[in-house]
Protein backbone atom coordinates (compact mmCIF):
# COMPACT_ATOMS: atom_id res chain seq x y z
CA MET A 1 -17.76 48.30 92.28
CA ILE A 2 -16.72 51.41 94.23
CA ARG A 3 -20.27 51.91 95.53
CA SER A 4 -20.60 48.38 96.88
CA VAL A 5 -17.20 48.46 98.55
CA LEU A 6 -17.88 51.87 100.02
CA ASN A 7 -21.17 50.79 101.52
CA ALA A 8 -19.37 47.93 103.23
CA LYS A 9 -16.68 50.28 104.49
CA ARG A 10 -19.24 52.75 105.82
CA ALA A 11 -20.98 50.00 107.69
CA LEU A 12 -17.70 49.01 109.29
CA ALA A 13 -17.01 52.62 110.18
CA VAL A 14 -20.39 53.11 111.83
CA ILE A 15 -19.90 50.17 114.18
CA GLY A 16 -16.41 51.47 115.00
CA THR A 17 -14.39 48.61 113.54
CA ILE A 18 -10.83 49.64 112.94
CA LEU A 19 -8.40 47.78 110.69
CA ILE A 20 -4.79 47.54 111.71
CA PHE A 21 -1.69 47.59 109.53
CA GLY A 22 0.05 44.68 111.35
CA VAL A 23 1.06 42.08 108.83
CA SER A 24 2.89 38.82 108.35
CA CYS A 25 6.00 38.61 106.20
CA SER A 26 5.58 38.42 102.40
CA THR A 27 1.89 37.44 102.36
CA THR A 28 -1.02 39.45 101.07
CA GLU A 29 -3.21 38.76 104.11
CA VAL A 30 -3.48 41.32 106.92
CA ALA A 31 -2.41 39.74 110.19
CA GLN A 32 -4.97 39.66 112.99
CA GLN A 33 -4.23 42.20 115.71
CA PRO A 34 -6.11 43.37 118.80
CA VAL A 35 -8.70 46.01 117.92
CA LYS A 36 -7.61 49.48 118.99
CA GLU A 37 -9.83 52.12 120.48
CA PRO A 38 -11.69 54.19 117.87
CA SER A 39 -10.33 57.64 117.09
CA LYS A 40 -11.81 60.62 118.87
CA LYS A 41 -13.60 61.59 115.69
CA SER A 42 -17.11 60.22 115.47
CA SER A 43 -18.19 58.04 112.59
CA SER A 44 -20.03 61.01 111.03
CA GLU A 45 -16.77 62.45 109.67
CA ILE A 46 -15.88 59.08 108.18
CA GLU A 47 -19.37 58.76 106.73
CA GLY A 48 -18.98 62.21 105.21
CA LEU A 49 -15.69 61.21 103.64
CA ALA A 50 -17.27 58.05 102.24
CA GLU A 51 -20.17 60.07 100.88
CA ILE A 52 -17.86 62.37 98.90
CA ILE A 53 -16.18 59.44 97.21
CA GLU A 54 -19.32 57.32 96.82
CA THR A 55 -21.36 60.01 95.11
CA SER A 56 -18.52 61.40 93.00
CA PRO A 57 -19.28 61.31 89.26
CA THR A 58 -15.51 61.51 88.69
CA PHE A 59 -14.61 58.41 90.68
CA SER A 60 -17.39 56.52 88.93
CA LYS A 61 -15.19 56.86 85.82
CA THR A 62 -11.99 55.60 87.49
CA ILE A 63 -10.77 52.56 89.33
CA THR A 64 -9.95 54.20 92.65
CA GLY A 65 -8.16 52.91 95.72
CA PHE A 66 -7.87 55.02 98.84
CA THR A 67 -6.81 54.65 102.43
CA LEU A 68 -6.59 57.09 105.35
CA TYR A 69 -4.45 56.07 108.28
CA ASP A 70 -3.71 57.56 111.70
CA PRO A 71 -0.11 56.80 112.75
CA VAL A 72 -0.73 57.93 116.35
CA THR A 73 -3.53 55.45 117.03
CA ASP A 74 -2.05 52.97 114.52
CA SER A 75 -5.45 52.60 112.89
CA MET A 76 -6.97 52.76 109.46
CA LEU A 77 -9.71 55.38 109.54
CA TYR A 78 -11.17 54.64 106.16
CA GLY A 79 -10.42 52.65 103.05
CA VAL A 80 -11.85 51.66 99.70
CA ASN A 81 -10.16 49.09 97.47
CA GLU A 82 -7.19 49.53 99.78
CA ASP A 83 -6.15 45.91 99.29
CA LYS A 84 -6.27 46.00 95.48
CA TYR A 85 -3.05 46.13 93.47
CA MET A 86 -2.80 49.23 91.31
CA THR A 87 -0.27 50.97 89.06
CA PRO A 88 1.56 53.48 91.29
CA ALA A 89 3.51 55.42 88.64
CA SER A 90 5.95 57.77 90.43
CA ASN A 91 4.59 56.88 93.86
CA THR A 92 7.29 54.24 93.38
CA LYS A 93 9.83 56.93 94.27
CA ILE A 94 8.60 56.80 97.87
CA PHE A 95 9.96 53.25 97.93
CA THR A 96 13.21 54.44 96.38
CA TYR A 97 13.52 57.22 98.96
CA TYR A 98 13.00 54.76 101.81
CA ALA A 99 15.45 52.34 100.20
CA GLY A 100 18.16 54.98 100.03
CA LEU A 101 17.66 55.99 103.65
CA ASN A 102 18.23 52.42 104.76
CA ALA A 103 20.86 51.15 102.35
CA LEU A 104 23.01 54.22 101.65
CA GLY A 105 24.86 56.36 104.15
CA SER A 106 24.79 60.08 104.77
CA HIS A 107 26.82 60.70 101.57
CA ILE A 108 26.46 58.84 98.30
CA PRO A 109 29.28 56.75 96.80
CA ALA A 110 30.72 58.76 93.91
CA LEU A 111 33.59 56.71 92.48
CA ASN A 112 35.43 53.40 92.89
CA TYR A 113 39.09 53.46 91.91
CA VAL A 114 42.55 51.95 92.20
CA VAL A 115 45.96 53.35 91.37
CA ARG A 116 48.30 50.99 89.55
CA GLY A 117 51.73 52.50 88.96
CA ASP A 118 51.18 55.79 87.12
CA SER A 119 47.61 54.90 86.13
CA LEU A 120 44.24 55.60 87.72
CA ILE A 121 41.53 53.07 86.91
CA PHE A 122 37.99 53.95 87.96
CA TRP A 123 34.50 52.49 87.91
CA GLY A 124 31.24 54.38 88.25
CA THR A 125 28.96 53.83 91.24
CA GLY A 126 25.84 55.12 89.51
CA ASP A 127 26.26 58.57 91.11
CA PRO A 128 24.23 60.91 88.83
CA SER A 129 25.77 64.21 89.94
CA PHE A 130 28.87 64.37 87.74
CA LEU A 131 28.68 67.51 85.53
CA HIS A 132 24.89 67.48 85.83
CA PRO A 133 23.50 70.50 83.92
CA ASP A 134 21.31 71.47 86.90
CA ASP A 135 24.43 71.86 89.09
CA PHE A 136 24.45 69.51 92.05
CA GLY A 137 26.99 71.69 93.82
CA THR A 138 29.75 69.09 93.97
CA THR A 139 32.99 68.96 91.99
CA ASP A 140 34.90 66.36 94.02
CA VAL A 141 35.01 63.72 91.27
CA TYR A 142 35.88 66.24 88.57
CA ASP A 143 38.68 67.71 90.68
CA PHE A 144 40.01 64.26 91.54
CA LEU A 145 40.16 63.14 87.91
CA ASN A 146 41.40 66.47 86.63
CA GLU A 147 44.25 66.69 89.14
CA PHE A 148 45.57 63.15 88.68
CA GLU A 149 48.87 63.45 86.83
CA GLY A 150 49.13 59.96 85.32
CA ASN A 151 47.01 57.98 82.87
CA ILE A 152 43.26 57.66 83.41
CA TYR A 153 41.20 54.62 82.46
CA PHE A 154 37.46 54.01 82.74
CA SER A 155 35.92 50.56 83.12
CA ASP A 156 32.24 49.59 83.17
CA SER A 157 32.86 45.94 84.01
CA ASN A 158 30.63 46.36 87.09
CA PHE A 159 27.61 47.46 85.02
CA ASP A 160 25.16 44.56 84.68
CA ASP A 161 21.87 46.12 83.66
CA ASP A 162 19.83 47.27 80.68
CA VAL A 163 19.89 50.98 79.94
CA LEU A 164 16.07 51.11 79.94
CA GLY A 165 13.90 49.54 82.62
CA PRO A 166 11.43 46.65 82.32
CA GLY A 167 7.96 47.72 81.27
CA TRP A 168 9.03 51.17 80.04
CA ALA A 169 7.30 52.46 76.92
CA TRP A 170 9.78 51.86 74.10
CA SER A 171 8.55 54.91 72.15
CA ASP A 172 9.59 57.23 75.01
CA TYR A 173 13.29 56.46 74.56
CA ASP A 174 14.17 60.04 73.56
CA ALA A 175 11.85 61.80 76.03
CA TYR A 176 13.56 63.76 78.80
CA TYR A 177 11.91 61.59 81.46
CA SER A 178 13.41 58.39 80.01
CA ALA A 179 17.10 59.15 80.36
CA GLU A 180 19.05 55.91 80.30
CA LYS A 181 20.64 54.20 83.27
CA SER A 182 24.42 54.01 83.23
CA PRO A 183 27.32 53.19 85.56
CA PHE A 184 28.89 56.64 85.30
CA PRO A 185 26.26 59.27 84.43
CA ILE A 186 27.67 62.39 82.87
CA TYR A 187 25.75 65.59 82.06
CA GLY A 188 22.64 63.90 83.47
CA ASN A 189 22.79 61.40 80.57
CA TYR A 190 21.12 63.86 78.24
CA ALA A 191 21.92 66.64 75.80
CA ARG A 192 20.38 70.00 76.69
CA PHE A 193 19.31 71.99 73.64
CA THR A 194 18.65 75.72 73.92
CA ILE A 195 17.16 77.19 70.77
CA GLU A 196 17.43 80.92 70.11
CA ARG A 197 15.60 83.09 67.62
CA ILE A 198 17.46 85.97 66.00
CA GLU A 199 14.63 88.36 65.25
CA GLN A 200 14.55 89.63 61.67
CA VAL A 201 12.01 91.46 59.57
CA ARG A 202 11.40 88.54 57.29
CA VAL A 203 10.64 85.01 58.49
CA ALA A 204 13.10 83.64 55.95
CA GLU A 205 15.92 85.32 57.82
CA VAL A 206 15.21 83.55 61.11
CA ASN A 207 18.07 81.10 61.43
CA GLY A 208 16.93 78.95 64.38
CA GLU A 209 20.35 78.75 65.99
CA TYR A 210 20.79 76.36 68.90
CA VAL A 211 23.27 75.68 71.65
CA VAL A 212 23.80 72.13 72.87
CA ASN A 213 25.43 71.10 76.13
CA PRO A 214 27.81 69.30 76.08
CA LYS A 215 29.07 71.04 72.95
CA ILE A 216 30.80 67.96 71.61
CA LEU A 217 27.41 66.40 70.86
CA GLY A 218 26.82 69.13 68.29
CA LYS A 219 28.66 66.99 65.74
CA PHE A 220 25.82 64.46 65.93
CA VAL A 221 23.09 67.00 65.12
CA GLU A 222 21.67 67.33 61.63
CA ASN A 223 19.88 70.63 61.02
CA ASP A 224 16.91 70.23 58.69
CA GLY A 225 15.95 73.91 58.70
CA VAL A 226 12.42 75.23 59.11
CA ASN A 227 9.83 72.53 59.71
CA GLU A 228 7.12 72.71 57.04
CA ASP A 229 4.25 72.13 59.46
CA GLY A 230 5.46 74.86 61.81
CA ARG A 231 6.57 72.56 64.66
CA LEU A 232 9.85 72.62 66.49
CA SER A 233 11.31 69.13 66.46
CA ILE A 234 14.37 67.49 68.02
CA SER A 235 14.58 63.72 67.85
CA ARG A 236 17.21 61.04 68.31
CA ASP A 237 17.64 57.72 66.58
CA ARG A 238 16.41 54.86 68.73
CA VAL A 239 19.83 53.22 68.57
CA GLY A 240 22.79 55.56 68.40
CA ASN A 241 23.29 59.26 69.02
CA ASN A 242 22.30 61.00 65.81
CA PHE A 243 19.94 63.91 66.48
CA GLU A 244 17.68 65.58 63.93
CA TYR A 245 16.68 69.19 64.50
CA SER A 246 13.97 71.15 62.69
CA PHE A 247 13.06 74.59 63.99
CA LYS A 248 9.97 76.69 63.48
CA SER A 249 10.10 80.26 62.35
CA ASP A 250 8.48 81.87 65.40
CA THR A 251 10.66 80.22 68.06
CA VAL A 252 11.90 82.82 70.54
CA ARG A 253 13.59 80.70 73.22
CA TYR A 254 13.14 77.04 73.87
CA GLN A 255 14.98 74.53 76.03
CA THR A 256 14.63 70.77 75.90
CA ASP A 257 16.57 67.79 77.18
CA LYS A 258 17.14 64.75 74.98
CA PRO A 259 18.69 61.58 76.42
CA PHE A 260 21.77 60.28 74.69
CA HIS A 261 22.37 56.57 74.23
CA TYR A 262 24.91 55.05 76.62
CA THR A 263 28.05 53.50 75.23
CA PRO A 264 31.33 53.38 77.14
CA GLU A 265 33.04 54.87 74.09
CA LEU A 266 30.80 57.93 74.25
CA ILE A 267 31.43 58.36 77.98
CA VAL A 268 35.18 58.21 77.42
CA GLU A 269 34.90 60.74 74.59
CA LEU A 270 32.79 63.13 76.69
CA LEU A 271 35.14 62.79 79.64
CA ALA A 272 38.26 63.33 77.53
CA ASP A 273 36.71 66.45 76.00
CA THR A 274 35.76 67.78 79.42
CA LEU A 275 39.11 67.08 81.08
CA ASN A 276 41.05 68.05 77.95
CA ARG A 277 43.17 64.94 78.22
CA GLU A 278 43.19 61.39 76.95
CA VAL A 279 41.02 58.86 78.77
CA GLY A 280 41.29 55.13 78.08
CA TYR A 281 38.69 52.37 78.30
CA LEU A 282 39.27 48.96 79.92
CA ALA A 283 36.24 46.83 79.10
CA ASP A 284 37.00 43.73 81.16
CA TYR A 285 39.07 45.06 84.04
CA LYS A 286 37.26 43.79 87.15
CA MET A 287 37.14 45.79 90.35
CA PRO A 288 39.74 44.41 92.77
CA GLU A 289 39.12 43.97 96.48
CA ASP A 290 41.56 46.74 97.34
CA ARG A 291 39.59 49.38 95.45
CA GLN A 292 38.85 52.62 97.22
CA THR A 293 35.54 54.49 97.26
CA MET A 294 35.18 58.24 97.08
CA TYR A 295 32.01 59.72 98.57
CA GLY A 296 30.26 62.77 97.19
CA MET A 297 27.12 64.81 97.81
CA ARG A 298 24.81 64.45 100.80
CA ALA A 299 22.24 61.74 100.24
CA ASP A 300 19.31 63.76 101.63
CA SER A 301 20.00 66.47 99.06
CA LEU A 302 19.83 63.88 96.28
CA TYR A 303 16.54 62.46 97.59
CA LYS A 304 14.97 65.91 97.58
CA ARG A 305 16.17 66.50 94.00
CA MET A 306 14.49 63.24 93.04
CA MET A 307 11.22 63.78 94.89
CA LEU A 308 10.29 67.39 94.14
CA PRO A 309 10.41 67.33 90.30
CA SER A 310 9.92 63.53 90.23
CA ASP A 311 13.22 62.90 88.44
CA ASN A 312 13.15 59.39 86.97
CA ASN A 313 16.85 59.06 86.22
CA LEU A 314 17.87 60.03 89.74
CA ALA A 315 15.54 57.36 91.10
CA GLU A 316 17.02 54.66 88.88
CA GLN A 317 20.57 55.68 89.75
CA ILE A 318 19.80 55.58 93.49
CA MET A 319 18.67 51.96 93.20
CA MET A 320 21.77 51.22 91.14
CA MET A 321 24.00 52.75 93.82
CA ILE A 322 22.33 50.53 96.40
CA SER A 323 23.17 47.41 94.40
CA GLY A 324 26.76 48.60 94.10
CA THR A 325 26.91 49.16 97.85
CA ILE A 326 25.74 45.66 98.79
CA GLY A 327 27.80 43.95 96.07
CA ASP A 328 30.06 44.57 93.11
CA GLU A 329 27.45 44.85 90.35
CA LEU A 330 25.31 47.81 89.35
CA ASN A 331 21.84 46.39 88.75
CA VAL A 332 18.54 48.02 89.75
CA ARG A 333 16.73 44.71 90.16
CA LYS A 334 19.34 43.45 92.61
CA GLY A 335 19.02 46.65 94.61
CA ILE A 336 15.24 46.26 94.77
CA ASN A 337 15.44 42.62 95.83
CA TYR A 338 17.85 43.49 98.61
CA VAL A 339 15.63 46.27 99.97
CA VAL A 340 12.45 44.16 99.82
CA GLU A 341 14.10 41.22 101.60
CA ASN A 342 15.78 43.31 104.29
CA TYR A 343 13.48 46.27 104.97
CA LEU A 344 10.00 45.62 103.58
CA THR A 345 8.93 42.20 104.81
CA ASP A 346 6.35 43.72 107.17
CA LEU A 347 4.17 45.45 104.56
CA PRO A 348 0.49 44.42 104.30
CA ASP A 349 0.87 43.22 100.70
CA SER A 350 4.10 42.20 99.00
CA PRO A 351 5.02 44.96 96.52
CA ASN A 352 5.48 44.04 92.87
CA TRP A 353 8.35 46.50 92.53
CA ARG A 354 10.23 46.54 89.23
CA ASP A 355 12.10 49.84 88.83
CA GLY A 356 13.23 52.84 90.82
CA SER A 357 11.24 55.53 89.07
CA GLY A 358 7.74 54.21 88.44
CA LEU A 359 8.00 54.34 84.65
CA SER A 360 7.33 50.60 84.54
CA ARG A 361 3.77 49.40 84.09
CA TYR A 362 4.85 46.22 85.88
CA ASN A 363 4.93 48.01 89.24
CA LEU A 364 1.88 47.13 91.35
CA PHE A 365 1.25 48.26 94.93
CA THR A 366 -1.86 48.40 97.09
CA PRO A 367 -2.94 51.68 98.73
CA ARG A 368 -2.61 50.18 102.20
CA THR A 369 0.94 49.05 101.44
CA VAL A 370 1.90 52.55 100.27
CA ALA A 371 0.36 53.97 103.45
CA ALA A 372 2.25 51.44 105.57
CA LEU A 373 5.49 52.44 103.84
CA LEU A 374 4.76 56.11 104.55
CA LYS A 375 4.39 55.18 108.22
CA LYS A 376 7.78 53.44 108.14
CA LEU A 377 9.27 56.45 106.38
CA ASP A 378 7.81 58.79 109.01
CA GLU A 379 9.41 56.69 111.73
CA LYS A 380 12.72 56.46 109.89
CA VAL A 381 13.12 60.20 109.34
CA ASP A 382 11.53 61.14 112.69
CA ASN A 383 11.67 64.83 111.81
CA ASP A 384 8.58 66.40 110.23
CA GLU A 385 10.44 69.46 108.99
CA LEU A 386 13.02 67.38 107.13
CA LEU A 387 10.47 64.85 105.87
CA PHE A 388 8.01 67.44 104.59
CA ASP A 389 10.79 69.47 102.98
CA THR A 390 11.70 66.42 100.89
CA PHE A 391 8.13 65.96 99.63
CA PRO A 392 6.21 68.13 97.17
CA GLN A 393 4.03 70.56 99.14
CA GLY A 394 0.60 71.72 98.05
CA GLY A 395 0.76 75.29 96.76
CA VAL A 396 4.45 75.59 97.67
CA GLN A 397 6.94 73.32 95.90
CA GLY A 398 7.47 70.36 93.66
CA THR A 399 4.92 68.71 91.40
CA ILE A 400 1.96 70.02 93.45
CA ARG A 401 3.10 73.62 93.79
CA ASN A 402 0.04 74.68 91.75
CA LEU A 403 -2.36 72.25 93.44
CA TYR A 404 -3.83 71.59 96.92
CA SER A 405 -3.31 75.08 98.30
CA ALA A 406 -5.02 75.90 101.58
CA ARG A 407 -8.30 77.59 100.62
CA ASP A 408 -8.23 79.76 103.71
CA GLY A 409 -4.78 81.11 102.91
CA GLY A 410 -3.20 79.01 105.64
CA PRO A 411 0.05 77.03 105.46
CA ALA A 412 0.54 73.96 103.31
CA TYR A 413 -1.49 71.01 104.48
CA VAL A 414 -0.65 68.36 101.83
CA PHE A 415 2.85 66.86 101.62
CA ALA A 416 2.69 64.11 99.04
CA LYS A 417 4.30 62.40 96.06
CA THR A 418 2.48 62.43 92.75
CA GLY A 419 2.50 59.61 90.24
CA THR A 420 1.24 60.01 86.69
CA LEU A 421 1.21 57.80 83.62
CA SER A 422 -1.31 57.74 80.80
CA ASN A 423 -4.68 56.84 82.35
CA SER A 424 -3.23 56.67 85.88
CA HIS A 425 -2.76 59.29 88.58
CA CYS A 426 -1.79 58.76 92.21
CA LEU A 427 -1.01 60.92 95.22
CA SER A 428 0.31 59.54 98.50
CA GLY A 429 1.72 61.24 101.55
CA TYR A 430 0.72 63.22 104.61
CA VAL A 431 -2.22 65.54 105.26
CA ILE A 432 -2.27 67.91 108.24
CA THR A 433 -5.68 68.67 109.71
CA ASP A 434 -6.98 71.88 111.25
CA THR A 435 -6.61 70.26 114.66
CA GLY A 436 -2.95 69.49 114.01
CA ARG A 437 -3.27 65.76 113.32
CA LYS A 438 -0.82 64.22 110.88
CA LEU A 439 -2.64 61.59 108.85
CA ILE A 440 -1.29 59.32 106.14
CA PHE A 441 -3.16 58.75 102.89
CA SER A 442 -2.73 56.97 99.60
CA PHE A 443 -4.92 57.89 96.63
CA MET A 444 -4.56 55.68 93.54
CA ASN A 445 -6.59 56.15 90.35
CA ASN A 446 -6.18 53.83 87.37
CA ASN A 447 -7.78 53.02 84.03
CA TYR A 448 -9.60 56.27 83.30
CA VAL A 449 -9.95 58.22 80.07
CA ILE A 450 -11.15 61.53 81.51
CA PRO A 451 -8.71 64.44 81.92
CA THR A 452 -6.29 64.00 84.82
CA ARG A 453 -7.12 67.52 85.98
CA GLU A 454 -10.67 66.35 86.67
CA VAL A 455 -9.33 63.54 88.83
CA GLN A 456 -7.04 65.94 90.69
CA SER A 457 -9.91 68.31 91.34
CA GLN A 458 -11.97 65.58 92.99
CA MET A 459 -8.97 64.40 95.02
CA GLU A 460 -8.56 67.96 96.25
CA GLU A 461 -12.16 67.97 97.50
CA VAL A 462 -11.46 64.82 99.50
CA LEU A 463 -8.22 66.11 101.02
CA TRP A 464 -9.70 69.48 101.93
CA TYR A 465 -12.57 67.68 103.65
CA ILE A 466 -10.09 65.65 105.67
CA HIS A 467 -8.12 68.79 106.52
CA THR A 468 -11.17 70.63 107.81
CA ASN A 469 -13.08 67.77 109.46
CA PHE A 470 -10.56 65.45 111.04
């Protein structure tokens, strides 16, 4: 299928036909626009690009969609399967980033609250920074709660969502990348275990001690001693917060994050332990119109923390904060619907967007739609230094710090978001050419059973060719 589509694309390239991103609202048909002048590059470079993909033994084992777009000439330079819907994985976070830029302000909402007599009643906004173990550099909410001299009550009456997203793999519930959504995240919504080995002469004397943060969760951990098959194991019950820990005898130092299960009772207990004071829970106390909102960390700092390591929970919480900004309820789906209806009606193909992180297999985007979004994002930020600093950079930072380095020792030339699920790997962003052109690309690979590293290696060949030839 790739070969036949590529041949058609090459033929179009040779005669200089250029496709345009102009679209109608909410349809999957590309709107007809006047044909623009061809780029200064001759068709030979485009033919060379097509040849790499067409003859690739790797891409013959994948379902691959690709598009290369020039934002200056507003023209698609090359595409294959660019109009086919594919699983984007964490490329979804590009949508979340753009959503936040449009729907949230310069600082994220951190807390909603009212004071009634001698009591403070507060509701979460979805802000994920509170007591996060990776230190978000903000203590405003903690200081505010800690310094209030009266009674403190927490309510989650504004939380109207499931703790796990639609289409998430149920068996991943206790994996670090599947931390639950919640109205008032605390400690990142996970327990961080650090396992230490006390070196002894005999293996039997290795005690496998661990430290858990927050410490109060230690009461939920059952230590099963040395694992008979030599593995280190920490697992949590699917429902509830009982952890089972089995260490292995040769563990030196090991750190792992395990999501805890959200209940308002647990949040109140964690908060009371942290503040060293009693905290009450008001289940059905609705947010009044006279509530006040406290704002916290800079939004651009949060977006970077989401994009570079591809943090799923931060992405979900951003979409939840958006829903709480446009209304009273915290619900990721409502946030997505609002963004699609207000900011994304001009995309080539309507996105089937179901969560903030890309964990959902229900997400389906086309490569040309992702590229069109990247163009909108480029225009929205309008500052290459800031935009590129938020994206992973080949050979420099984020999820591609060990990939896509300049082979000639030059500066980074790939600034792009990865997206990986089992049998799917995507990369979409910006590629800078030797001549200084900034081009937009979206690479989407689905339904393969070969190693992902093999797919990445072939993608790198394509991007280096673009860097050196366009």
